[in-house]
Amino acid sequence: MELRVLRYFLAVAEEGNITWAAQLLRISQPTLSRQLKQLEEELGVTLFERGSHTITLTEEGRLLRDRAQTIVSLADKAEFELKQSSYELSGDIMAGCGEVRAMTFLADRMAAFRTLHPGVRFHVVSTTADVIQDQLEQGLLDFGLLADPVDTSRYEFLRTNITEHWCAMIPNGHPLEAHESLSPADLANESLLLPSREPVRRVVLNWFGPYAPHLNIAGTCNLPANGAAMAASGLGLYLCLDHGTTYPGVRGIRLAPPLESSSVLVWKKQGTASPAAAAFAKFLQTM
């Protein structure tokens, strides 16, 4: 598969019409149709269901679209980094971050590094830990800031030494809203919303101790803003990291005894980092 043909395929998948895609790509429609047909023959699958005016992706076509988007993104990233490598340090550093207080740790180091290398740009994507780790493996992210528990065996890593505290999001008017802290016994008979990540959920269940087997779990959620909205609607009390952020209709109340987590900044042990990402990793380890 040629990279050029993958770009053609993605354009058609996006437009849903060969004529429009050909105009966008500035090639003739017959040329584009021929390239797509050759791609299907090379792969031995049908990529499109062709209608009279539009075409749609088959299951195989959707799989190729997902893979092609990653391949093209990596190729564009590599091309840019190679063009920049012979100049003053510059380029883009991609970081994925969960919603953790330790973002201040990373932001301070980004600012200090950019003072030394103003040609470097940092791009931060806020998403879930599973997505961050997947994109680190694919090379789409250079660094990930994650709340524990994290399996660091695959990564170079740096502990932030910033403690993350847990709380329960309690809807306004709930009997527990006036409490200054909440114990396992306080929450044991309530409907609860727990974190989506299974390793993190185990940590929360361990905090409940003997109450854990009998908890009323109403659901799970991986983003505090969404979990707060679910709690405000009365679906359940949401247990999450306390970011110090207020959300409509709920109050965050710390847990007692305290449930605490740490956070870690990770990057891949192996693989070719861009000059900018490699320099930033070295900078982190010398601070």
Foldseek 3Di string as FASTA:
>chain_A
DDLVLLVLLLLQQVVQFLCVSCVVVVHDSVVSVVSQVVVCVVVVHDQWDDDPGGIHGDPVVVVSNVVSVLVNLVVVQVVVLVVPVVDQDAHEAEEEEELFLLVVVVVVLVVVVCVVVVRYYYDYHYDFPVVRVVCLVSVNHFKYKFWDPDDCPQWDKDWSPDKWWKWKWAFPPDPCQPDQAAELVNQLAWAEEEAPDPVRRVLVLVRNPPSSVRHHYQYYDHHPQVQNVCNLVVSTIYMDTCSVDDYPRTDIHTYPVIRIITMMMTGGPDDDDRPNSVVSVVSVVVD
